Amino acid sequence: MLRKALAACALATCIPVSATDLTVEIEIPRLDVAEYHRPYVALWIEQDNQHIANLNVWYDVKMKDNEGEKWLKDMRQWWRRSGRSLELPVDGVSAATRAVGTHSLNFNGGSAALQQLKAGDYELLVEAAREVGGREILRIPFSWPPTQKVSAKAQGSSELGAINLTLTP
């Protein structure tokens, strides 16, 4: 009987975290340049300037002989904090580059990345770099787990447009 009660209590304390959603909307702006290449983009979570979890990395995953990995180091901050130690492609993290437009990514509390988060203050980082282009990094602070629906945003000025973060308990 005591075992069942303890299991029920443990399950009840896990439900709010696993039911939590983290949604990121990323705008890739249209650039008026002579030679356009889709940007490589990395999304990850940090706490106190320490890498905690990778959410997504967009690059040319299907290039012959893993040639697309060559330019990942152009996303310098992500590369130094996490990328160079990864064996690519990373299942559930690596994805193809995205076209101009707004792209929505949803991560639920049961995802491997979010399960690593303990209660506390974090930052979502989004870094973009383009071949024959620029580089930009945006940060959005947030607290985990959220007790109510929370939205925050950052606005890019070159390689990224609007970045919207929504946390839903």
N, C-alpha and C. Protein backbone atom coordinates (compact mmCIF):
# COMPACT_ATOMS: atom_id res chain seq x y z
N MET A 1 0.83 -1.19 0.00
CA MET A 1 0.00 0.00 0.00
C MET A 1 0.87 1.26 0.00
N LEU A 2 1.89 1.27 0.85
CA LEU A 2 2.79 2.43 0.92
C LEU A 2 3.52 2.61 -0.40
N ARG A 3 3.91 1.49 -1.02
CA ARG A 3 4.59 1.56 -2.31
C ARG A 3 3.70 2.22 -3.37
N LYS A 4 2.43 1.84 -3.39
CA LYS A 4 1.50 2.42 -4.36
C LYS A 4 1.31 3.91 -4.11
N ALA A 5 1.23 4.31 -2.85
CA ALA A 5 1.07 5.72 -2.52
C ALA A 5 2.30 6.52 -2.94
N LEU A 6 3.48 5.97 -2.69
CA LEU A 6 4.72 6.65 -3.09
C LEU A 6 4.82 6.74 -4.61
N ALA A 7 4.44 5.69 -5.30
CA ALA A 7 4.47 5.71 -6.77
C ALA A 7 3.51 6.75 -7.31
N ALA A 8 2.32 6.85 -6.71
CA ALA A 8 1.34 7.84 -7.16
C ALA A 8 1.86 9.26 -6.92
N CYS A 9 2.50 9.49 -5.77
CA CYS A 9 3.08 10.82 -5.48
C CYS A 9 4.19 11.14 -6.46
N ALA A 10 5.04 10.18 -6.74
CA ALA A 10 6.14 10.42 -7.69
C ALA A 10 5.59 10.72 -9.07
N LEU A 11 4.58 10.00 -9.48
CA LEU A 11 3.96 10.24 -10.78
C LEU A 11 3.32 11.62 -10.82
N ALA A 12 2.66 12.01 -9.77
CA ALA A 12 1.99 13.32 -9.73
C ALA A 12 3.00 14.46 -9.82
N THR A 13 4.18 14.30 -9.24
CA THR A 13 5.18 15.37 -9.32
C THR A 13 5.85 15.39 -10.67
N CYS A 14 5.84 14.30 -11.41
CA CYS A 14 6.45 14.27 -12.73
C CYS A 14 5.53 14.81 -13.81
N ILE A 15 4.24 14.70 -13.64
CA ILE A 15 3.31 15.08 -14.69
C ILE A 15 3.45 16.53 -15.12
N PRO A 16 3.55 17.52 -14.21
CA PRO A 16 3.66 18.90 -14.69
C PRO A 16 4.88 19.13 -15.57
N VAL A 17 6.00 18.54 -15.24
CA VAL A 17 7.20 18.75 -16.05
C VAL A 17 7.07 18.08 -17.40
N SER A 18 6.61 16.82 -17.42
CA SER A 18 6.53 16.12 -18.69
C SER A 18 5.43 16.68 -19.59
N ALA A 19 4.46 17.36 -19.01
CA ALA A 19 3.39 17.94 -19.82
C ALA A 19 3.78 19.31 -20.36
N THR A 20 4.88 19.86 -19.91
CA THR A 20 5.31 21.19 -20.32
C THR A 20 5.79 21.18 -21.76
N ASP A 21 5.37 22.19 -22.51
CA ASP A 21 5.81 22.36 -23.89
C ASP A 21 6.69 23.59 -24.02
N LEU A 22 7.70 23.49 -24.85
CA LEU A 22 8.55 24.61 -25.23
C LEU A 22 8.43 24.72 -26.74
N THR A 23 7.93 25.85 -27.21
CA THR A 23 7.75 26.07 -28.64
C THR A 23 8.60 27.24 -29.08
N VAL A 24 9.32 27.06 -30.16
CA VAL A 24 10.17 28.12 -30.70
C VAL A 24 9.75 28.38 -32.15
N GLU A 25 9.48 29.63 -32.45
CA GLU A 25 9.22 30.04 -33.84
C GLU A 25 10.42 30.84 -34.30
N ILE A 26 10.99 30.43 -35.43
CA ILE A 26 12.18 31.07 -35.98
C ILE A 26 11.86 31.61 -37.36
N GLU A 27 12.12 32.89 -37.54
CA GLU A 27 11.91 33.51 -38.84
C GLU A 27 13.25 33.59 -39.57
N ILE A 28 13.28 33.00 -40.76
CA ILE A 28 14.43 33.12 -41.65
C ILE A 28 14.06 34.21 -42.66
N PRO A 29 14.72 35.37 -42.60
CA PRO A 29 14.32 36.48 -43.47
C PRO A 29 14.82 36.31 -44.90
N ARG A 30 14.13 36.96 -45.82
CA ARG A 30 14.57 37.00 -47.22
C ARG A 30 15.66 38.07 -47.31
N LEU A 31 16.80 37.71 -47.83
CA LEU A 31 17.91 38.64 -47.98
C LEU A 31 18.13 38.94 -49.45
N ASP A 32 18.40 40.18 -49.76
CA ASP A 32 18.65 40.60 -51.13
C ASP A 32 20.16 40.58 -51.36
N VAL A 33 20.66 39.40 -51.70
CA VAL A 33 22.10 39.21 -51.92
C VAL A 33 22.31 38.49 -53.25
N ALA A 34 23.51 38.65 -53.81
CA ALA A 34 23.81 38.04 -55.11
C ALA A 34 23.84 36.51 -55.03
N GLU A 35 24.45 35.98 -53.99
CA GLU A 35 24.58 34.53 -53.84
C GLU A 35 23.97 34.11 -52.51
N TYR A 36 22.75 33.60 -52.56
CA TYR A 36 22.04 33.24 -51.33
C TYR A 36 22.24 31.78 -50.99
N HIS A 37 22.57 31.52 -49.75
CA HIS A 37 22.65 30.16 -49.21
C HIS A 37 21.76 30.11 -47.97
N ARG A 38 21.04 29.03 -47.81
CA ARG A 38 20.23 28.88 -46.60
C ARG A 38 21.16 28.86 -45.39
N PRO A 39 20.72 29.48 -44.29
CA PRO A 39 21.59 29.52 -43.11
C PRO A 39 21.63 28.19 -42.38
N TYR A 40 22.76 27.95 -41.75
CA TYR A 40 22.87 26.89 -40.77
C TYR A 40 22.37 27.53 -39.47
N VAL A 41 21.58 26.78 -38.70
CA VAL A 41 20.99 27.33 -37.48
C VAL A 41 21.14 26.31 -36.36
N ALA A 42 21.54 26.79 -35.18
CA ALA A 42 21.62 25.94 -33.99
C ALA A 42 20.74 26.54 -32.89
N LEU A 43 20.00 25.69 -32.20
CA LEU A 43 19.19 26.09 -31.05
C LEU A 43 19.65 25.26 -29.88
N TRP A 44 19.95 25.92 -28.77
CA TRP A 44 20.35 25.18 -27.58
C TRP A 44 20.00 25.96 -26.33
N ILE A 45 20.12 25.29 -25.20
CA ILE A 45 19.80 25.87 -23.90
C ILE A 45 21.07 25.95 -23.08
N GLU A 46 21.24 27.11 -22.41
CA GLU A 46 22.37 27.32 -21.51
C GLU A 46 21.88 27.79 -20.15
N GLN A 47 22.71 27.54 -19.15
CA GLN A 47 22.48 28.08 -17.81
C GLN A 47 23.82 28.58 -17.31
N ASP A 48 23.87 29.84 -16.91
CA ASP A 48 25.12 30.47 -16.45
C ASP A 48 26.25 30.28 -17.46
N ASN A 49 25.95 30.50 -18.74
CA ASN A 49 26.92 30.39 -19.84
C ASN A 49 27.48 28.98 -20.01
N GLN A 50 26.80 27.99 -19.50
CA GLN A 50 27.20 26.59 -19.67
C GLN A 50 26.15 25.87 -20.51
N HIS A 51 26.61 25.15 -21.52
CA HIS A 51 25.71 24.39 -22.38
C HIS A 51 24.97 23.34 -21.56
N ILE A 52 23.65 23.28 -21.75
CA ILE A 52 22.83 22.28 -21.06
C ILE A 52 22.28 21.25 -22.04
N ALA A 53 21.68 21.72 -23.15
CA ALA A 53 21.05 20.78 -24.08
C ALA A 53 20.95 21.37 -25.47
N ASN A 54 21.16 20.53 -26.49
CA ASN A 54 20.91 20.92 -27.88
C ASN A 54 19.46 20.62 -28.20
N LEU A 55 18.80 21.56 -28.87
CA LEU A 55 17.43 21.34 -29.32
C LEU A 55 17.39 20.95 -30.79
N ASN A 56 18.10 21.70 -31.63
CA ASN A 56 18.09 21.45 -33.08
C ASN A 56 19.33 22.06 -33.71
N VAL A 57 19.81 21.42 -34.76
CA VAL A 57 20.90 21.97 -35.57
C VAL A 57 20.52 21.73 -37.02
N TRP A 58 20.37 22.83 -37.76
CA TRP A 58 20.00 22.74 -39.18
C TRP A 58 21.25 22.92 -40.02
N TYR A 59 21.53 21.95 -40.85
CA TYR A 59 22.66 22.04 -41.78
C TYR A 59 22.42 21.10 -42.95
N ASP A 60 23.31 21.10 -43.92
CA ASP A 60 23.15 20.25 -45.10
C ASP A 60 23.52 18.81 -44.74
N VAL A 61 22.55 18.12 -44.14
CA VAL A 61 22.80 16.77 -43.64
C VAL A 61 22.99 15.75 -44.75
N LYS A 62 22.49 16.03 -45.96
CA LYS A 62 22.54 15.04 -47.04
C LYS A 62 23.68 15.27 -48.04
N MET A 63 24.58 16.20 -47.75
CA MET A 63 25.69 16.42 -48.68
C MET A 63 26.61 15.20 -48.71
N LYS A 64 27.14 14.93 -49.87
CA LYS A 64 28.03 13.80 -50.09
C LYS A 64 29.24 13.89 -49.15
N ASP A 65 29.65 12.75 -48.62
CA ASP A 65 30.82 12.64 -47.74
C ASP A 65 30.75 13.56 -46.53
N ASN A 66 29.54 13.80 -46.01
CA ASN A 66 29.34 14.66 -44.84
C ASN A 66 29.93 16.05 -45.01
N GLU A 67 29.98 16.52 -46.25
CA GLU A 67 30.55 17.83 -46.57
C GLU A 67 29.82 18.96 -45.83
N GLY A 68 28.53 18.79 -45.55
CA GLY A 68 27.76 19.82 -44.86
C GLY A 68 28.26 20.12 -43.47
N GLU A 69 28.93 19.16 -42.84
CA GLU A 69 29.45 19.35 -41.49
C GLU A 69 30.60 20.35 -41.45
N LYS A 70 31.24 20.56 -42.60
CA LYS A 70 32.42 21.43 -42.66
C LYS A 70 32.13 22.85 -42.18
N TRP A 71 30.92 23.36 -42.45
CA TRP A 71 30.60 24.75 -42.12
C TRP A 71 29.92 24.90 -40.77
N LEU A 72 29.71 23.82 -40.05
CA LEU A 72 29.09 23.94 -38.73
C LEU A 72 29.91 24.82 -37.80
N LYS A 73 31.22 24.81 -37.94
CA LYS A 73 32.06 25.62 -37.06
C LYS A 73 31.89 27.12 -37.29
N ASP A 74 31.17 27.51 -38.38
CA ASP A 74 30.86 28.93 -38.58
C ASP A 74 29.86 29.43 -37.54
N MET A 75 29.10 28.52 -36.94
CA MET A 75 28.26 28.89 -35.80
C MET A 75 29.16 28.78 -34.57
N ARG A 76 30.00 29.79 -34.41
CA ARG A 76 31.13 29.72 -33.48
C ARG A 76 30.76 29.43 -32.03
N GLN A 77 29.76 30.12 -31.52
CA GLN A 77 29.43 29.92 -30.11
C GLN A 77 28.91 28.51 -29.87
N TRP A 78 27.98 28.06 -30.71
CA TRP A 78 27.46 26.71 -30.56
C TRP A 78 28.59 25.69 -30.73
N TRP A 79 29.45 25.91 -31.72
CA TRP A 79 30.53 24.98 -32.00
C TRP A 79 31.45 24.83 -30.78
N ARG A 80 31.80 25.95 -30.16
CA ARG A 80 32.70 25.90 -29.00
C ARG A 80 32.04 25.26 -27.79
N ARG A 81 30.75 25.55 -27.60
CA ARG A 81 30.07 25.06 -26.40
C ARG A 81 29.64 23.61 -26.51
N SER A 82 29.35 23.14 -27.73
CA SER A 82 28.78 21.80 -27.86
C SER A 82 29.16 21.07 -29.14
N GLY A 83 29.10 21.77 -30.27
CA GLY A 83 29.18 21.14 -31.58
C GLY A 83 30.41 20.29 -31.82
N ARG A 84 31.57 20.80 -31.42
CA ARG A 84 32.80 20.06 -31.75
C ARG A 84 32.91 18.73 -31.00
N SER A 85 32.13 18.57 -29.93
CA SER A 85 32.20 17.32 -29.18
C SER A 85 31.13 16.31 -29.60
N LEU A 86 30.28 16.70 -30.56
CA LEU A 86 29.20 15.81 -31.01
C LEU A 86 29.65 14.90 -32.13
N GLU A 87 29.05 13.73 -32.18
CA GLU A 87 29.22 12.85 -33.33
C GLU A 87 27.99 13.06 -34.20
N LEU A 88 28.19 13.67 -35.34
CA LEU A 88 27.08 14.06 -36.21
C LEU A 88 26.78 12.99 -37.24
N PRO A 89 25.56 12.91 -37.72
CA PRO A 89 24.38 13.64 -37.28
C PRO A 89 23.88 13.10 -35.94
N VAL A 90 23.21 13.96 -35.17
CA VAL A 90 22.66 13.59 -33.88
C VAL A 90 21.18 13.27 -34.06
N ASP A 91 20.80 12.06 -33.70
CA ASP A 91 19.41 11.63 -33.85
C ASP A 91 18.49 12.54 -33.05
N GLY A 92 17.46 13.06 -33.70
CA GLY A 92 16.50 13.91 -33.04
C GLY A 92 16.93 15.36 -32.90
N VAL A 93 18.16 15.68 -33.30
CA VAL A 93 18.68 17.05 -33.19
C VAL A 93 19.04 17.59 -34.57
N SER A 94 19.77 16.81 -35.36
CA SER A 94 20.19 17.25 -36.69
C SER A 94 19.00 17.29 -37.64
N ALA A 95 18.96 18.35 -38.45
CA ALA A 95 17.87 18.50 -39.43
C ALA A 95 18.39 19.30 -40.61
N ALA A 96 17.65 19.24 -41.70
CA ALA A 96 18.03 19.98 -42.91
C ALA A 96 17.85 21.48 -42.72
N THR A 97 18.57 22.26 -43.52
CA THR A 97 18.40 23.71 -43.49
C THR A 97 16.98 24.05 -43.91
N ARG A 98 16.54 25.24 -43.55
CA ARG A 98 15.17 25.66 -43.83
C ARG A 98 15.15 26.85 -44.77
N ALA A 99 14.08 26.94 -45.55
CA ALA A 99 13.91 28.03 -46.51
C ALA A 99 13.44 29.30 -45.78
N VAL A 100 13.40 30.39 -46.53
CA VAL A 100 12.87 31.65 -46.02
C VAL A 100 11.46 31.41 -45.49
N GLY A 101 11.14 32.01 -44.35
CA GLY A 101 9.81 31.87 -43.75
C GLY A 101 9.91 31.66 -42.26
N THR A 102 8.77 31.40 -41.63
CA THR A 102 8.71 31.16 -40.19
C THR A 102 8.52 29.68 -39.95
N HIS A 103 9.35 29.14 -39.08
CA HIS A 103 9.34 27.71 -38.80
C HIS A 103 9.09 27.49 -37.31
N SER A 104 8.18 26.60 -37.00
CA SER A 104 7.80 26.34 -35.62
C SER A 104 8.33 24.98 -35.18
N LEU A 105 8.96 24.96 -34.02
CA LEU A 105 9.49 23.73 -33.44
C LEU A 105 8.87 23.55 -32.07
N ASN A 106 8.39 22.34 -31.79
CA ASN A 106 7.76 22.08 -30.50
C ASN A 106 8.51 20.96 -29.79
N PHE A 107 8.85 21.20 -28.53
CA PHE A 107 9.53 20.21 -27.71
C PHE A 107 8.67 20.00 -26.47
N ASN A 108 8.30 18.75 -26.20
CA ASN A 108 7.50 18.51 -24.99
C ASN A 108 8.42 18.11 -23.85
N GLY A 109 7.89 18.18 -22.64
CA GLY A 109 8.68 17.90 -21.45
C GLY A 109 9.28 16.52 -21.42
N GLY A 110 8.74 15.61 -22.21
CA GLY A 110 9.29 14.26 -22.26
C GLY A 110 10.48 14.12 -23.19
N SER A 111 10.80 15.18 -23.95
CA SER A 111 11.94 15.10 -24.87
C SER A 111 13.25 15.03 -24.08
N ALA A 112 14.23 14.38 -24.65
CA ALA A 112 15.51 14.18 -23.96
C ALA A 112 16.13 15.51 -23.53
N ALA A 113 16.05 16.53 -24.37
CA ALA A 113 16.66 17.82 -24.04
C ALA A 113 16.00 18.46 -22.83
N LEU A 114 14.69 18.43 -22.77
CA LEU A 114 13.99 19.10 -21.67
C LEU A 114 14.02 18.30 -20.38
N GLN A 115 14.20 17.01 -20.46
CA GLN A 115 14.29 16.20 -19.25
C GLN A 115 15.54 16.54 -18.45
N GLN A 116 16.54 17.14 -19.09
CA GLN A 116 17.77 17.52 -18.41
C GLN A 116 17.61 18.77 -17.56
N LEU A 117 16.52 19.52 -17.77
CA LEU A 117 16.35 20.80 -17.10
C LEU A 117 15.80 20.62 -15.69
N LYS A 118 16.53 21.18 -14.72
CA LYS A 118 16.04 21.25 -13.35
C LYS A 118 15.40 22.62 -13.19
N ALA A 119 14.65 22.82 -12.14
CA ALA A 119 14.03 24.13 -11.91
C ALA A 119 15.13 25.19 -11.84
N GLY A 120 14.92 26.29 -12.57
CA GLY A 120 15.92 27.36 -12.56
C GLY A 120 15.78 28.29 -13.74
N ASP A 121 16.75 29.19 -13.86
CA ASP A 121 16.77 30.18 -14.93
C ASP A 121 17.72 29.73 -16.03
N TYR A 122 17.26 29.86 -17.27
CA TYR A 122 18.00 29.41 -18.44
C TYR A 122 17.95 30.46 -19.53
N GLU A 123 18.68 30.20 -20.61
CA GLU A 123 18.59 31.00 -21.83
C GLU A 123 18.47 30.07 -23.02
N LEU A 124 17.57 30.44 -23.94
CA LEU A 124 17.50 29.79 -25.24
C LEU A 124 18.42 30.59 -26.15
N LEU A 125 19.33 29.92 -26.84
CA LEU A 125 20.20 30.58 -27.79
C LEU A 125 19.88 30.08 -29.19
N VAL A 126 19.82 31.00 -30.13
CA VAL A 126 19.61 30.67 -31.54
C VAL A 126 20.73 31.36 -32.30
N GLU A 127 21.53 30.57 -32.99
CA GLU A 127 22.66 31.11 -33.76
C GLU A 127 22.50 30.70 -35.21
N ALA A 128 22.74 31.64 -36.11
CA ALA A 128 22.65 31.37 -37.55
C ALA A 128 23.91 31.86 -38.24
N ALA A 129 24.34 31.12 -39.24
CA ALA A 129 25.50 31.52 -40.06
C ALA A 129 25.23 31.04 -41.48
N ARG A 130 25.65 31.86 -42.44
CA ARG A 130 25.47 31.50 -43.85
C ARG A 130 26.81 31.53 -44.56
N GLU A 131 26.98 30.57 -45.48
CA GLU A 131 28.13 30.59 -46.37
C GLU A 131 28.04 31.86 -47.21
N VAL A 132 29.13 32.58 -47.34
CA VAL A 132 29.18 33.86 -48.06
C VAL A 132 28.16 34.83 -47.44
N GLY A 133 28.02 34.77 -46.14
CA GLY A 133 27.06 35.63 -45.46
C GLY A 133 27.55 35.98 -44.08
N GLY A 134 26.62 36.34 -43.24
CA GLY A 134 26.96 36.77 -41.90
C GLY A 134 26.66 35.73 -40.86
N ARG A 135 26.72 36.18 -39.62
CA ARG A 135 26.48 35.33 -38.47
C ARG A 135 25.71 36.16 -37.45
N GLU A 136 24.78 35.54 -36.76
CA GLU A 136 23.99 36.25 -35.75
C GLU A 136 23.58 35.28 -34.65
N ILE A 137 23.56 35.79 -33.42
CA ILE A 137 23.14 34.97 -32.28
C ILE A 137 22.17 35.78 -31.43
N LEU A 138 21.08 35.13 -31.03
CA LEU A 138 20.07 35.76 -30.18
C LEU A 138 19.87 34.92 -28.93
N ARG A 139 19.57 35.61 -27.82
CA ARG A 139 19.34 34.95 -26.53
C ARG A 139 17.97 35.34 -25.99
N ILE A 140 17.27 34.37 -25.44
CA ILE A 140 15.99 34.64 -24.78
C ILE A 140 16.02 33.97 -23.41
N PRO A 141 16.00 34.76 -22.33
CA PRO A 141 15.99 34.17 -20.99
C PRO A 141 14.61 33.59 -20.65
N PHE A 142 14.60 32.52 -19.85
CA PHE A 142 13.34 31.93 -19.39
C PHE A 142 13.57 31.16 -18.10
N SER A 143 12.50 30.93 -17.37
CA SER A 143 12.54 30.13 -16.13
C SER A 143 11.84 28.81 -16.38
N TRP A 144 12.38 27.76 -15.77
CA TRP A 144 11.85 26.41 -15.96
C TRP A 144 11.58 25.76 -14.62
N PRO A 145 10.52 25.05 -14.46
CA PRO A 145 9.39 24.90 -15.36
C PRO A 145 8.45 26.10 -15.22
N PRO A 146 7.70 26.39 -16.27
CA PRO A 146 6.78 27.53 -16.18
C PRO A 146 5.56 27.16 -15.33
N THR A 147 5.05 28.15 -14.61
CA THR A 147 3.85 27.93 -13.81
C THR A 147 2.61 28.41 -14.55
N GLN A 148 2.83 29.20 -15.59
CA GLN A 148 1.75 29.68 -16.45
C GLN A 148 2.32 29.85 -17.85
N LYS A 149 1.44 30.04 -18.82
CA LYS A 149 1.91 30.23 -20.19
C LYS A 149 2.72 31.52 -20.26
N VAL A 150 3.92 31.40 -20.83
CA VAL A 150 4.85 32.53 -20.92
C VAL A 150 5.36 32.63 -22.35
N SER A 151 5.44 33.85 -22.85
CA SER A 151 6.01 34.09 -24.18
C SER A 151 7.10 35.14 -24.07
N ALA A 152 8.15 34.97 -24.85
CA ALA A 152 9.24 35.94 -24.92
C ALA A 152 9.73 35.97 -26.35
N LYS A 153 10.35 37.08 -26.74
CA LYS A 153 10.82 37.16 -28.12
C LYS A 153 12.12 37.94 -28.19
N ALA A 154 12.80 37.73 -29.30
CA ALA A 154 14.01 38.48 -29.65
C ALA A 154 13.91 38.78 -31.14
N GLN A 155 14.49 39.88 -31.55
CA GLN A 155 14.42 40.29 -32.95
C GLN A 155 15.83 40.32 -33.54
N GLY A 156 16.04 39.57 -34.59
CA GLY A 156 17.32 39.60 -35.28
C GLY A 156 17.42 40.81 -36.18
N SER A 157 18.63 41.05 -36.67
CA SER A 157 18.84 42.22 -37.53
C SER A 157 19.45 41.86 -38.88
N SER A 158 19.92 40.63 -39.03
CA SER A 158 20.53 40.27 -40.31
C SER A 158 20.17 38.84 -40.73
N GLU A 159 20.75 37.86 -40.12
CA GLU A 159 20.55 36.46 -40.52
C GLU A 159 19.27 35.85 -39.96
N LEU A 160 18.77 36.43 -38.88
CA LEU A 160 17.56 35.93 -38.24
C LEU A 160 16.52 37.04 -38.18
N GLY A 161 15.25 36.66 -38.24
CA GLY A 161 14.17 37.61 -38.04
C GLY A 161 13.69 37.49 -36.60
N ALA A 162 12.38 37.41 -36.41
CA ALA A 162 11.81 37.29 -35.07
C ALA A 162 11.97 35.86 -34.55
N ILE A 163 12.34 35.76 -33.28
CA ILE A 163 12.41 34.48 -32.59
C ILE A 163 11.41 34.56 -31.45
N ASN A 164 10.44 33.67 -31.42
CA ASN A 164 9.43 33.65 -30.37
C ASN A 164 9.54 32.35 -29.58
N LEU A 165 9.58 32.48 -28.27
CA LEU A 165 9.63 31.34 -27.36
C LEU A 165 8.34 31.33 -26.57
N THR A 166 7.66 30.19 -26.54
CA THR A 166 6.45 30.04 -25.74
C THR A 166 6.60 28.80 -24.87
N LEU A 167 6.37 28.99 -23.57
CA LEU A 167 6.41 27.89 -22.61
C LEU A 167 4.99 27.69 -22.09
N THR A 168 4.53 26.45 -22.13
CA THR A 168 3.18 26.13 -21.69
C THR A 168 3.24 25.02 -20.66
N PRO A 169 2.72 25.27 -19.43
CA PRO A 169 2.75 24.20 -18.41
C PRO A 169 1.79 23.07 -18.74
